[in-house]
């Protein structure tokens, strides 16, 4: 299963990558993105099954990623990740 991490904070991406490697080793992280524009490009390129998405990023709400896809292209799951910020 392929996954993509989207978060503007590098520390959050590193932490999530570690947690995934430790507890979900069957997930392959195909890309990490620091914002919505890069995430849209990476989703088209890598076709992930799952996107870990920060909902608060500069310039865009993570939920706005849906505006960049037609309904027929939404063939990936999204896990919203605001709660992980509480860990820090």
N, C-alpha and C. Protein backbone atom coordinates (compact mmCIF):
# COMPACT_ATOMS: atom_id res chain seq x y z
N UNK A 1 0.84 -1.17 0.00
CA UNK A 1 0.00 0.00 0.00
C UNK A 1 0.89 1.24 0.00
N UNK A 2 0.58 2.19 -0.88
CA UNK A 2 1.39 3.40 -1.01
C UNK A 2 0.74 4.56 -0.25
N UNK A 3 1.59 5.36 0.41
CA UNK A 3 1.08 6.49 1.18
C UNK A 3 1.90 7.75 0.90
N UNK A 4 1.27 8.89 1.12
CA UNK A 4 1.87 10.20 0.92
C UNK A 4 1.67 10.99 2.21
N UNK A 5 2.70 11.73 2.63
CA UNK A 5 2.60 12.58 3.81
C UNK A 5 2.60 14.04 3.35
N UNK A 6 1.62 14.82 3.83
CA UNK A 6 1.53 16.23 3.49
C UNK A 6 1.47 17.04 4.79
N UNK A 7 2.51 17.82 5.04
CA UNK A 7 2.57 18.68 6.22
C UNK A 7 3.61 19.76 5.96
N UNK A 8 3.30 20.99 6.36
CA UNK A 8 4.25 22.08 6.13
C UNK A 8 5.40 22.05 7.14
N UNK A 9 5.27 21.29 8.21
CA UNK A 9 6.31 21.23 9.23
C UNK A 9 7.16 19.96 9.06
N UNK A 10 8.43 20.15 8.83
CA UNK A 10 9.32 19.01 8.62
C UNK A 10 9.32 18.08 9.83
N UNK A 11 9.32 18.64 11.01
CA UNK A 11 9.33 17.83 12.23
C UNK A 11 8.12 16.89 12.28
N UNK A 12 6.97 17.38 11.88
CA UNK A 12 5.77 16.55 11.86
C UNK A 12 5.89 15.43 10.83
N UNK A 13 6.47 15.75 9.66
CA UNK A 13 6.65 14.72 8.63
C UNK A 13 7.60 13.64 9.11
N UNK A 14 8.69 14.04 9.76
CA UNK A 14 9.67 13.08 10.26
C UNK A 14 9.03 12.19 11.33
N UNK A 15 8.28 12.79 12.23
CA UNK A 15 7.63 12.02 13.30
C UNK A 15 6.64 11.01 12.73
N UNK A 16 5.85 11.45 11.77
CA UNK A 16 4.88 10.54 11.18
C UNK A 16 5.57 9.43 10.41
N UNK A 17 6.62 9.77 9.68
CA UNK A 17 7.38 8.74 8.95
C UNK A 17 7.90 7.67 9.92
N UNK A 18 8.40 8.11 11.08
CA UNK A 18 8.90 7.17 12.09
C UNK A 18 7.76 6.29 12.61
N UNK A 19 6.62 6.89 12.94
CA UNK A 19 5.49 6.12 13.46
C UNK A 19 4.99 5.10 12.44
N UNK A 20 4.95 5.50 11.18
CA UNK A 20 4.51 4.57 10.14
C UNK A 20 5.49 3.41 10.01
N UNK A 21 6.77 3.72 9.99
CA UNK A 21 7.78 2.65 9.87
C UNK A 21 7.70 1.69 11.05
N UNK A 22 7.44 2.22 12.22
CA UNK A 22 7.40 1.40 13.44
C UNK A 22 6.13 0.54 13.53
N UNK A 23 4.99 1.14 13.22
CA UNK A 23 3.71 0.47 13.48
C UNK A 23 2.95 0.03 12.24
N UNK A 24 3.30 0.55 11.08
CA UNK A 24 2.63 0.18 9.83
C UNK A 24 3.67 -0.11 8.75
N UNK A 25 4.54 -1.08 8.99
CA UNK A 25 5.65 -1.31 8.05
C UNK A 25 5.21 -1.72 6.64
N UNK A 26 3.97 -2.13 6.48
CA UNK A 26 3.49 -2.49 5.14
C UNK A 26 3.19 -1.27 4.28
N UNK A 27 3.13 -0.06 4.89
CA UNK A 27 2.92 1.16 4.12
C UNK A 27 4.23 1.63 3.51
N UNK A 28 4.22 1.93 2.24
CA UNK A 28 5.38 2.49 1.56
C UNK A 28 5.14 3.99 1.39
N UNK A 29 5.99 4.82 2.00
CA UNK A 29 5.89 6.26 1.84
C UNK A 29 6.51 6.61 0.49
N UNK A 30 5.68 7.03 -0.46
CA UNK A 30 6.17 7.30 -1.81
C UNK A 30 6.62 8.75 -1.97
N UNK A 31 6.15 9.65 -1.10
CA UNK A 31 6.56 11.05 -1.17
C UNK A 31 6.14 11.78 0.10
N UNK A 32 6.85 12.87 0.36
CA UNK A 32 6.50 13.79 1.44
C UNK A 32 6.43 15.18 0.82
N UNK A 33 5.40 15.92 1.18
CA UNK A 33 5.17 17.24 0.59
C UNK A 33 4.96 18.27 1.68
N UNK A 34 5.41 19.50 1.38
CA UNK A 34 5.30 20.57 2.37
C UNK A 34 4.12 21.50 2.10
N UNK A 35 3.29 21.18 1.15
CA UNK A 35 2.13 22.01 0.86
C UNK A 35 1.22 21.39 -0.18
N UNK A 36 0.08 22.02 -0.37
CA UNK A 36 -0.93 21.50 -1.29
C UNK A 36 -0.45 21.43 -2.74
N UNK A 37 0.19 22.47 -3.29
CA UNK A 37 0.62 22.38 -4.70
C UNK A 37 1.53 21.17 -4.97
N UNK A 38 2.51 20.94 -4.10
CA UNK A 38 3.39 19.77 -4.27
C UNK A 38 2.63 18.47 -4.05
N UNK A 39 1.68 18.48 -3.14
CA UNK A 39 0.90 17.27 -2.87
C UNK A 39 0.06 16.87 -4.08
N UNK A 40 -0.55 17.85 -4.73
CA UNK A 40 -1.36 17.56 -5.91
C UNK A 40 -0.49 16.91 -6.99
N UNK A 41 0.68 17.47 -7.22
CA UNK A 41 1.61 16.90 -8.21
C UNK A 41 2.01 15.48 -7.82
N UNK A 42 2.32 15.27 -6.55
CA UNK A 42 2.77 13.95 -6.09
C UNK A 42 1.65 12.92 -6.16
N UNK A 43 0.43 13.34 -5.88
CA UNK A 43 -0.70 12.40 -5.97
C UNK A 43 -0.89 11.95 -7.41
N UNK A 44 -0.81 12.89 -8.35
CA UNK A 44 -0.93 12.51 -9.76
C UNK A 44 0.22 11.60 -10.19
N UNK A 45 1.40 11.88 -9.71
CA UNK A 45 2.58 11.10 -10.10
C UNK A 45 2.62 9.71 -9.48
N UNK A 46 2.39 9.62 -8.15
CA UNK A 46 2.59 8.37 -7.42
C UNK A 46 1.32 7.55 -7.22
N UNK A 47 0.17 8.17 -7.38
CA UNK A 47 -1.12 7.47 -7.21
C UNK A 47 -1.17 6.71 -5.88
N UNK A 48 -1.05 7.42 -4.75
CA UNK A 48 -1.07 6.73 -3.46
C UNK A 48 -2.45 6.19 -3.12
N UNK A 49 -2.46 5.19 -2.26
CA UNK A 49 -3.72 4.65 -1.74
C UNK A 49 -4.23 5.49 -0.58
N UNK A 50 -3.29 6.14 0.11
CA UNK A 50 -3.60 6.85 1.34
C UNK A 50 -2.79 8.14 1.43
N UNK A 51 -3.43 9.22 1.88
CA UNK A 51 -2.75 10.50 2.06
C UNK A 51 -2.93 10.95 3.52
N UNK A 52 -1.81 11.12 4.22
CA UNK A 52 -1.83 11.69 5.57
C UNK A 52 -1.74 13.20 5.39
N UNK A 53 -2.77 13.93 5.78
CA UNK A 53 -2.92 15.32 5.39
C UNK A 53 -3.10 16.22 6.61
N UNK A 54 -2.18 17.17 6.77
CA UNK A 54 -2.32 18.20 7.79
C UNK A 54 -3.44 19.14 7.35
N UNK A 55 -4.33 19.51 8.26
CA UNK A 55 -5.45 20.36 7.84
C UNK A 55 -5.17 21.84 8.01
N UNK A 56 -4.08 22.21 8.69
CA UNK A 56 -3.73 23.63 8.85
C UNK A 56 -2.34 23.88 8.29
N UNK A 57 -2.31 24.49 7.10
CA UNK A 57 -1.04 24.83 6.46
C UNK A 57 -1.13 26.25 5.91
N UNK A 58 -0.01 26.94 5.82
CA UNK A 58 -0.03 28.30 5.27
C UNK A 58 -0.55 28.33 3.83
N UNK A 59 -1.46 29.23 3.58
CA UNK A 59 -1.96 29.39 2.21
C UNK A 59 -3.16 28.54 1.87
N UNK A 60 -3.28 27.38 2.46
CA UNK A 60 -4.38 26.47 2.14
C UNK A 60 -4.79 25.68 3.38
N UNK A 61 -6.04 25.35 3.45
CA UNK A 61 -6.50 24.33 4.39
C UNK A 61 -6.22 23.00 3.70
N UNK A 62 -5.82 22.01 4.45
CA UNK A 62 -5.58 20.71 3.86
C UNK A 62 -6.79 20.17 3.11
N UNK A 63 -7.97 20.52 3.58
CA UNK A 63 -9.19 20.04 2.93
C UNK A 63 -9.35 20.60 1.52
N UNK A 64 -8.69 21.71 1.23
CA UNK A 64 -8.78 22.29 -0.11
C UNK A 64 -8.15 21.41 -1.17
N UNK A 65 -7.43 20.40 -0.77
CA UNK A 65 -6.82 19.50 -1.76
C UNK A 65 -7.90 18.87 -2.64
N UNK A 66 -9.09 18.69 -2.08
CA UNK A 66 -10.18 18.09 -2.85
C UNK A 66 -10.60 18.96 -4.02
N UNK A 67 -10.37 20.28 -3.93
CA UNK A 67 -10.73 21.19 -5.02
C UNK A 67 -9.89 20.96 -6.27
N UNK A 68 -8.76 20.29 -6.13
CA UNK A 68 -7.84 20.09 -7.25
C UNK A 68 -8.09 18.79 -8.01
N UNK A 69 -9.12 18.03 -7.60
CA UNK A 69 -9.39 16.74 -8.23
C UNK A 69 -10.85 16.64 -8.63
N UNK A 70 -11.09 16.00 -9.76
CA UNK A 70 -12.45 15.64 -10.14
C UNK A 70 -12.87 14.46 -9.29
N UNK A 71 -14.16 14.29 -9.12
CA UNK A 71 -14.66 13.20 -8.29
C UNK A 71 -14.15 11.84 -8.76
N UNK A 72 -14.02 11.67 -10.05
CA UNK A 72 -13.56 10.38 -10.59
C UNK A 72 -12.09 10.11 -10.26
N UNK A 73 -11.33 11.17 -9.93
CA UNK A 73 -9.91 11.03 -9.62
C UNK A 73 -9.64 10.83 -8.13
N UNK A 74 -10.68 10.89 -7.32
CA UNK A 74 -10.51 10.72 -5.87
C UNK A 74 -10.51 9.23 -5.51
N UNK A 75 -9.43 8.57 -5.85
CA UNK A 75 -9.32 7.13 -5.60
C UNK A 75 -8.27 6.85 -4.53
N UNK A 76 -8.19 7.74 -3.54
CA UNK A 76 -7.27 7.56 -2.43
C UNK A 76 -7.98 7.96 -1.14
N UNK A 77 -7.57 7.34 -0.05
CA UNK A 77 -8.11 7.70 1.26
C UNK A 77 -7.33 8.85 1.86
N UNK A 78 -7.98 9.58 2.75
CA UNK A 78 -7.33 10.70 3.43
C UNK A 78 -7.46 10.52 4.93
N UNK A 79 -6.34 10.67 5.61
CA UNK A 79 -6.34 10.71 7.07
C UNK A 79 -5.93 12.13 7.47
N UNK A 80 -6.83 12.84 8.13
CA UNK A 80 -6.54 14.20 8.57
C UNK A 80 -5.71 14.11 9.84
N UNK A 81 -4.69 14.97 9.93
CA UNK A 81 -3.68 14.79 10.95
C UNK A 81 -3.52 15.91 11.96
N UNK A 82 -4.46 16.73 12.17
CA UNK A 82 -4.30 17.81 13.15
C UNK A 82 -3.99 17.28 14.55
N UNK A 83 -4.57 16.19 14.91
CA UNK A 83 -4.40 15.65 16.26
C UNK A 83 -2.96 15.29 16.59
N UNK A 84 -2.14 14.93 15.61
CA UNK A 84 -0.76 14.57 15.89
C UNK A 84 0.06 15.75 16.42
N UNK A 85 -0.37 16.97 16.14
CA UNK A 85 0.35 18.13 16.62
C UNK A 85 0.31 18.25 18.13
N UNK A 86 -0.66 17.62 18.77
CA UNK A 86 -0.78 17.65 20.22
C UNK A 86 0.38 16.90 20.88
N UNK A 87 0.98 15.94 20.19
CA UNK A 87 2.06 15.14 20.72
C UNK A 87 3.27 16.00 21.06
N UNK A 88 3.52 17.05 20.34
CA UNK A 88 4.72 17.87 20.56
C UNK A 88 4.61 18.67 21.82
